[in-house]
Amino acid sequence: MPAEKIPGWIERLLLPKLSEISGDIKGLDIKIDSLRNEMEMEIGSLRNEVKMEIGSLRNEVKMEIGSLRNETKTEITSVRKEIESLRTEMNVRLDSIEKRIPVIEKITAMEIKIADLEKRLAAA
C-alpha cells in the first residue's frame, strides 16, 4: 500500500469512531454538569437544614439555660430564707440562754450559801 492511501484509510476507519467518542464525551459532560448541579442543590438544601437544626438546638439550649437559671435562683432564695429562719431561731435561743445564765448563777450561789449554812448548823 502506498503511503498516500494509509491516511485516507485510517481517516475512514477512525473518524466515525472519534466522532462517536466525541459525542459520548459531550454526553458525559452534560451528565456530569447535571449531577454537579443536583449535588450543589442537595448540598445547599442540607446546609439550610443543618443551619435550621443548629438554630433550633441553640434556642432549646438557651431556653434550658434560662430555666436552669430560674430554678437555681428559686433554690438559692429558698435556702436563704431557711438560713434566715435558722438564724432568727438561734438568736431567740441564745437570748433565752443569756437570760437564764444570771438565774443559774444566783441559784448556784444560793446552793453554796445553803450548804455553808447546813455545815454551820450541823457544827453547832
N, C-alpha and C. Protein backbone atom coordinates (compact mmCIF):
# COMPACT_ATOMS: atom_id res chain seq x y z
N MET A 1 0.83 -1.18 0.00
CA MET A 1 0.00 0.00 0.00
C MET A 1 0.87 1.23 0.00
N PRO A 2 0.53 2.13 -0.82
CA PRO A 2 1.30 3.37 -0.85
C PRO A 2 0.99 4.23 0.36
N ALA A 3 1.90 5.07 0.74
CA ALA A 3 1.79 5.92 1.93
C ALA A 3 0.65 6.90 1.82
N GLU A 4 0.28 7.35 0.64
CA GLU A 4 -0.80 8.32 0.49
C GLU A 4 -2.15 7.71 0.81
N LYS A 5 -2.32 6.42 0.63
CA LYS A 5 -3.61 5.79 0.84
C LYS A 5 -3.84 5.43 2.31
N ILE A 6 -2.82 5.31 3.11
CA ILE A 6 -2.97 4.95 4.52
C ILE A 6 -3.74 6.04 5.28
N PRO A 7 -3.41 7.31 5.13
CA PRO A 7 -4.16 8.31 5.89
C PRO A 7 -5.63 8.31 5.52
N GLY A 8 -5.99 8.11 4.29
CA GLY A 8 -7.40 8.07 3.90
C GLY A 8 -8.10 6.87 4.51
N TRP A 9 -7.41 5.76 4.53
CA TRP A 9 -7.98 4.55 5.10
C TRP A 9 -8.16 4.70 6.60
N ILE A 10 -7.17 5.27 7.28
CA ILE A 10 -7.26 5.49 8.73
C ILE A 10 -8.37 6.49 9.00
N GLU A 11 -8.45 7.51 8.14
CA GLU A 11 -9.47 8.54 8.33
C GLU A 11 -10.86 7.94 8.21
N ARG A 12 -11.08 7.10 7.20
CA ARG A 12 -12.40 6.49 7.01
C ARG A 12 -12.75 5.54 8.15
N LEU A 13 -11.75 4.88 8.70
CA LEU A 13 -11.98 3.89 9.76
C LEU A 13 -12.10 4.57 11.12
N LEU A 14 -11.24 5.52 11.42
CA LEU A 14 -11.19 6.11 12.76
C LEU A 14 -12.11 7.30 12.94
N LEU A 15 -12.37 8.06 11.90
CA LEU A 15 -13.17 9.28 12.04
C LEU A 15 -14.57 9.00 12.60
N PRO A 16 -15.27 8.00 12.12
CA PRO A 16 -16.58 7.72 12.72
C PRO A 16 -16.45 7.34 14.21
N LYS A 17 -15.42 6.59 14.56
CA LYS A 17 -15.21 6.19 15.95
C LYS A 17 -14.88 7.42 16.80
N LEU A 18 -14.01 8.30 16.27
CA LEU A 18 -13.65 9.52 17.00
C LEU A 18 -14.88 10.41 17.18
N SER A 19 -15.73 10.50 16.16
CA SER A 19 -16.95 11.30 16.27
C SER A 19 -17.87 10.70 17.32
N GLU A 20 -17.95 9.37 17.30
CA GLU A 20 -18.80 8.68 18.29
C GLU A 20 -18.25 8.93 19.70
N ILE A 21 -16.96 8.79 19.88
CA ILE A 21 -16.32 9.02 21.18
C ILE A 21 -16.52 10.47 21.60
N SER A 22 -16.37 11.39 20.65
CA SER A 22 -16.57 12.81 20.94
C SER A 22 -18.00 13.06 21.42
N GLY A 23 -18.98 12.43 20.78
CA GLY A 23 -20.39 12.56 21.19
C GLY A 23 -20.60 11.99 22.59
N ASP A 24 -19.96 10.82 22.85
CA ASP A 24 -20.07 10.21 24.17
C ASP A 24 -19.48 11.12 25.24
N ILE A 25 -18.35 11.75 24.93
CA ILE A 25 -17.71 12.65 25.88
C ILE A 25 -18.61 13.85 26.16
N LYS A 26 -19.23 14.40 25.11
CA LYS A 26 -20.15 15.53 25.29
C LYS A 26 -21.33 15.10 26.16
N GLY A 27 -21.84 13.89 25.93
CA GLY A 27 -22.94 13.36 26.75
C GLY A 27 -22.54 13.22 28.20
N LEU A 28 -21.30 12.71 28.41
CA LEU A 28 -20.80 12.58 29.78
C LEU A 28 -20.64 13.95 30.44
N ASP A 29 -20.15 14.92 29.67
CA ASP A 29 -20.02 16.28 30.20
C ASP A 29 -21.37 16.82 30.65
N ILE A 30 -22.39 16.57 29.82
CA ILE A 30 -23.74 17.04 30.17
C ILE A 30 -24.23 16.34 31.44
N LYS A 31 -24.01 15.02 31.53
CA LYS A 31 -24.41 14.28 32.73
C LYS A 31 -23.65 14.77 33.96
N ILE A 32 -22.35 15.00 33.80
CA ILE A 32 -21.53 15.49 34.92
C ILE A 32 -22.03 16.85 35.38
N ASP A 33 -22.32 17.74 34.43
CA ASP A 33 -22.85 19.06 34.79
C ASP A 33 -24.19 18.94 35.51
N SER A 34 -25.02 18.04 35.02
CA SER A 34 -26.33 17.82 35.64
C SER A 34 -26.16 17.30 37.07
N LEU A 35 -25.28 16.31 37.23
CA LEU A 35 -25.02 15.77 38.56
C LEU A 35 -24.42 16.83 39.48
N ARG A 36 -23.52 17.64 38.93
CA ARG A 36 -22.90 18.71 39.72
C ARG A 36 -23.98 19.68 40.22
N ASN A 37 -24.90 20.05 39.32
CA ASN A 37 -25.99 20.94 39.70
C ASN A 37 -26.88 20.31 40.77
N GLU A 38 -27.21 19.03 40.57
CA GLU A 38 -28.02 18.33 41.56
C GLU A 38 -27.31 18.27 42.92
N MET A 39 -26.02 17.97 42.89
CA MET A 39 -25.24 17.88 44.13
C MET A 39 -25.17 19.24 44.81
N GLU A 40 -24.96 20.30 44.04
CA GLU A 40 -24.91 21.64 44.62
C GLU A 40 -26.24 22.00 45.26
N MET A 41 -27.34 21.63 44.60
CA MET A 41 -28.67 21.90 45.16
C MET A 41 -28.88 21.09 46.43
N GLU A 42 -28.47 19.84 46.39
CA GLU A 42 -28.62 18.96 47.56
C GLU A 42 -27.77 19.47 48.72
N ILE A 43 -26.54 19.85 48.42
CA ILE A 43 -25.66 20.39 49.45
C ILE A 43 -26.25 21.67 50.03
N GLY A 44 -26.77 22.53 49.16
CA GLY A 44 -27.42 23.76 49.64
C GLY A 44 -28.60 23.45 50.53
N SER A 45 -29.40 22.47 50.14
CA SER A 45 -30.55 22.07 50.93
C SER A 45 -30.11 21.51 52.28
N LEU A 46 -29.10 20.64 52.26
CA LEU A 46 -28.58 20.08 53.51
C LEU A 46 -28.00 21.18 54.39
N ARG A 47 -27.30 22.12 53.79
CA ARG A 47 -26.72 23.23 54.54
C ARG A 47 -27.83 24.01 55.25
N ASN A 48 -28.93 24.29 54.52
CA ASN A 48 -30.05 25.01 55.11
C ASN A 48 -30.68 24.20 56.26
N GLU A 49 -30.84 22.90 56.04
CA GLU A 49 -31.40 22.05 57.09
C GLU A 49 -30.51 22.06 58.33
N VAL A 50 -29.20 21.95 58.12
CA VAL A 50 -28.26 21.96 59.24
C VAL A 50 -28.32 23.30 59.97
N LYS A 51 -28.38 24.39 59.22
CA LYS A 51 -28.49 25.71 59.85
C LYS A 51 -29.76 25.82 60.68
N MET A 52 -30.86 25.33 60.13
CA MET A 52 -32.13 25.39 60.86
C MET A 52 -32.06 24.52 62.12
N GLU A 53 -31.47 23.35 61.99
CA GLU A 53 -31.36 22.44 63.14
C GLU A 53 -30.46 23.06 64.22
N ILE A 54 -29.36 23.65 63.80
CA ILE A 54 -28.46 24.31 64.76
C ILE A 54 -29.20 25.46 65.44
N GLY A 55 -29.94 26.23 64.67
CA GLY A 55 -30.71 27.34 65.26
C GLY A 55 -31.73 26.82 66.26
N SER A 56 -32.40 25.74 65.91
CA SER A 56 -33.38 25.14 66.81
C SER A 56 -32.72 24.64 68.09
N LEU A 57 -31.60 23.94 67.94
CA LEU A 57 -30.87 23.45 69.11
C LEU A 57 -30.37 24.61 69.97
N ARG A 58 -29.90 25.66 69.32
CA ARG A 58 -29.42 26.84 70.05
C ARG A 58 -30.56 27.42 70.89
N ASN A 59 -31.75 27.52 70.30
CA ASN A 59 -32.90 28.05 71.03
C ASN A 59 -33.27 27.14 72.20
N GLU A 60 -33.24 25.83 71.97
CA GLU A 60 -33.55 24.89 73.04
C GLU A 60 -32.55 25.03 74.19
N VAL A 61 -31.27 25.13 73.84
CA VAL A 61 -30.23 25.27 74.87
C VAL A 61 -30.42 26.57 75.64
N LYS A 62 -30.72 27.66 74.93
CA LYS A 62 -30.96 28.94 75.61
C LYS A 62 -32.14 28.83 76.57
N MET A 63 -33.22 28.18 76.11
CA MET A 63 -34.39 28.03 76.97
C MET A 63 -34.06 27.18 78.19
N GLU A 64 -33.31 26.11 77.98
CA GLU A 64 -32.94 25.23 79.08
C GLU A 64 -32.05 25.96 80.08
N ILE A 65 -31.10 26.74 79.58
CA ILE A 65 -30.23 27.51 80.46
C ILE A 65 -31.05 28.52 81.25
N GLY A 66 -31.98 29.19 80.57
CA GLY A 66 -32.85 30.14 81.25
C GLY A 66 -33.67 29.47 82.34
N SER A 67 -34.19 28.30 82.02
CA SER A 67 -34.98 27.54 83.00
C SER A 67 -34.12 27.15 84.20
N LEU A 68 -32.90 26.68 83.92
CA LEU A 68 -31.98 26.30 85.00
C LEU A 68 -31.61 27.51 85.86
N ARG A 69 -31.42 28.66 85.22
CA ARG A 69 -31.13 29.88 85.99
C ARG A 69 -32.28 30.20 86.93
N ASN A 70 -33.50 30.14 86.40
CA ASN A 70 -34.67 30.44 87.23
C ASN A 70 -34.79 29.45 88.38
N GLU A 71 -34.59 28.16 88.09
CA GLU A 71 -34.66 27.15 89.14
C GLU A 71 -33.58 27.39 90.18
N THR A 72 -32.38 27.73 89.73
CA THR A 72 -31.27 27.98 90.65
C THR A 72 -31.57 29.20 91.52
N LYS A 73 -32.08 30.26 90.91
CA LYS A 73 -32.43 31.45 91.68
C LYS A 73 -33.48 31.12 92.73
N THR A 74 -34.47 30.32 92.35
CA THR A 74 -35.52 29.92 93.28
C THR A 74 -34.94 29.10 94.43
N GLU A 75 -34.06 28.16 94.10
CA GLU A 75 -33.42 27.34 95.13
C GLU A 75 -32.58 28.20 96.07
N ILE A 76 -31.81 29.11 95.51
CA ILE A 76 -30.97 29.99 96.34
C ILE A 76 -31.84 30.84 97.25
N THR A 77 -32.92 31.38 96.73
CA THR A 77 -33.83 32.18 97.54
C THR A 77 -34.41 31.34 98.67
N SER A 78 -34.78 30.11 98.36
CA SER A 78 -35.34 29.21 99.37
C SER A 78 -34.30 28.92 100.46
N VAL A 79 -33.08 28.64 100.05
CA VAL A 79 -32.01 28.35 101.02
C VAL A 79 -31.74 29.59 101.87
N ARG A 80 -31.73 30.76 101.27
CA ARG A 80 -31.52 31.99 102.03
C ARG A 80 -32.61 32.17 103.09
N LYS A 81 -33.85 31.91 102.71
CA LYS A 81 -34.96 32.04 103.67
C LYS A 81 -34.79 31.04 104.81
N GLU A 82 -34.40 29.82 104.49
CA GLU A 82 -34.18 28.82 105.53
C GLU A 82 -33.06 29.24 106.47
N ILE A 83 -31.97 29.75 105.90
CA ILE A 83 -30.84 30.20 106.73
C ILE A 83 -31.27 31.35 107.62
N GLU A 84 -32.03 32.29 107.07
CA GLU A 84 -32.51 33.43 107.86
C GLU A 84 -33.42 32.96 108.98
N SER A 85 -34.27 31.99 108.68
CA SER A 85 -35.16 31.43 109.70
C SER A 85 -34.35 30.77 110.80
N LEU A 86 -33.35 29.98 110.43
CA LEU A 86 -32.50 29.33 111.42
C LEU A 86 -31.72 30.35 112.24
N ARG A 87 -31.25 31.40 111.61
CA ARG A 87 -30.52 32.46 112.31
C ARG A 87 -31.43 33.11 113.35
N THR A 88 -32.65 33.40 112.95
CA THR A 88 -33.61 34.00 113.88
C THR A 88 -33.88 33.06 115.05
N GLU A 89 -34.08 31.79 114.75
CA GLU A 89 -34.34 30.80 115.80
C GLU A 89 -33.14 30.69 116.75
N MET A 90 -31.94 30.68 116.20
CA MET A 90 -30.73 30.61 117.04
C MET A 90 -30.62 31.85 117.93
N ASN A 91 -30.92 33.01 117.37
CA ASN A 91 -30.86 34.24 118.16
C ASN A 91 -31.84 34.19 119.33
N VAL A 92 -33.04 33.68 119.05
CA VAL A 92 -34.05 33.56 120.12
C VAL A 92 -33.55 32.62 121.20
N ARG A 93 -32.99 31.49 120.82
CA ARG A 93 -32.47 30.52 121.80
C ARG A 93 -31.30 31.09 122.58
N LEU A 94 -30.39 31.78 121.88
CA LEU A 94 -29.25 32.38 122.58
C LEU A 94 -29.73 33.45 123.57
N ASP A 95 -30.70 34.24 123.16
CA ASP A 95 -31.26 35.25 124.07
C ASP A 95 -31.85 34.58 125.31
N SER A 96 -32.55 33.46 125.10
CA SER A 96 -33.15 32.72 126.20
C SER A 96 -32.07 32.19 127.13
N ILE A 97 -31.00 31.64 126.54
CA ILE A 97 -29.90 31.11 127.36
C ILE A 97 -29.22 32.25 128.12
N GLU A 98 -29.01 33.37 127.47
CA GLU A 98 -28.37 34.52 128.13
C GLU A 98 -29.21 35.01 129.31
N LYS A 99 -30.53 34.94 129.18
CA LYS A 99 -31.40 35.35 130.27
C LYS A 99 -31.35 34.36 131.43
N ARG A 100 -31.12 33.10 131.15
CA ARG A 100 -31.08 32.06 132.18
C ARG A 100 -29.76 32.06 132.95
N ILE A 101 -28.68 32.49 132.35
CA ILE A 101 -27.36 32.42 132.99
C ILE A 101 -27.33 33.15 134.33
N PRO A 102 -27.80 34.39 134.42
CA PRO A 102 -27.77 35.04 135.74
C PRO A 102 -28.63 34.30 136.77
N VAL A 103 -29.76 33.75 136.35
CA VAL A 103 -30.61 33.00 137.27
C VAL A 103 -29.87 31.77 137.77
N ILE A 104 -29.18 31.06 136.85
CA ILE A 104 -28.41 29.87 137.23
C ILE A 104 -27.29 30.25 138.18
N GLU A 105 -26.63 31.39 137.90
CA GLU A 105 -25.55 31.85 138.78
C GLU A 105 -26.09 32.15 140.19
N LYS A 106 -27.25 32.79 140.26
CA LYS A 106 -27.87 33.10 141.57
C LYS A 106 -28.25 31.83 142.31
N ILE A 107 -28.81 30.85 141.57
CA ILE A 107 -29.20 29.58 142.20
C ILE A 107 -27.96 28.87 142.73
N THR A 108 -26.88 28.88 141.94
CA THR A 108 -25.63 28.24 142.37
C THR A 108 -25.10 28.92 143.62
N ALA A 109 -25.12 30.27 143.65
CA ALA A 109 -24.64 31.00 144.82
C ALA A 109 -25.51 30.66 146.04
N MET A 110 -26.81 30.56 145.85
CA MET A 110 -27.72 30.22 146.94
C MET A 110 -27.46 28.81 147.44
N GLU A 111 -27.19 27.87 146.52
CA GLU A 111 -26.90 26.49 146.92
C GLU A 111 -25.63 26.45 147.77
N ILE A 112 -24.63 27.25 147.38
CA ILE A 112 -23.38 27.30 148.15
C ILE A 112 -23.66 27.85 149.55
N LYS A 113 -24.46 28.91 149.64
CA LYS A 113 -24.81 29.51 150.94
C LYS A 113 -25.59 28.52 151.80
N ILE A 114 -26.54 27.80 151.17
CA ILE A 114 -27.34 26.81 151.91
C ILE A 114 -26.43 25.71 152.43
N ALA A 115 -25.50 25.24 151.58
CA ALA A 115 -24.57 24.19 152.01
C ALA A 115 -23.72 24.70 153.17
N ASP A 116 -23.31 25.96 153.10
CA ASP A 116 -22.49 26.55 154.16
C ASP A 116 -23.32 26.66 155.45
N LEU A 117 -24.58 27.10 155.32
CA LEU A 117 -25.45 27.20 156.49
C LEU A 117 -25.70 25.83 157.11
N GLU A 118 -25.90 24.81 156.26
CA GLU A 118 -26.10 23.46 156.77
C GLU A 118 -24.89 22.97 157.55
N LYS A 119 -23.70 23.29 157.07
CA LYS A 119 -22.47 22.91 157.77
C LYS A 119 -22.41 23.62 159.14
N ARG A 120 -22.76 24.89 159.14
CA ARG A 120 -22.72 25.66 160.40
C ARG A 120 -23.74 25.13 161.40
N LEU A 121 -24.93 24.81 160.87
CA LEU A 121 -25.95 24.28 161.77
C LEU A 121 -25.58 22.89 162.28
N ALA A 122 -24.95 22.11 161.46
CA ALA A 122 -24.54 20.77 161.85
C ALA A 122 -23.41 20.87 162.86
N ALA A 123 -22.57 21.85 162.78
CA ALA A 123 -21.44 22.03 163.68
C ALA A 123 -21.91 22.62 165.02
N ALA A 124 -22.99 23.28 165.06
CA ALA A 124 -23.45 23.93 166.27
C ALA A 124 -24.23 23.05 167.18
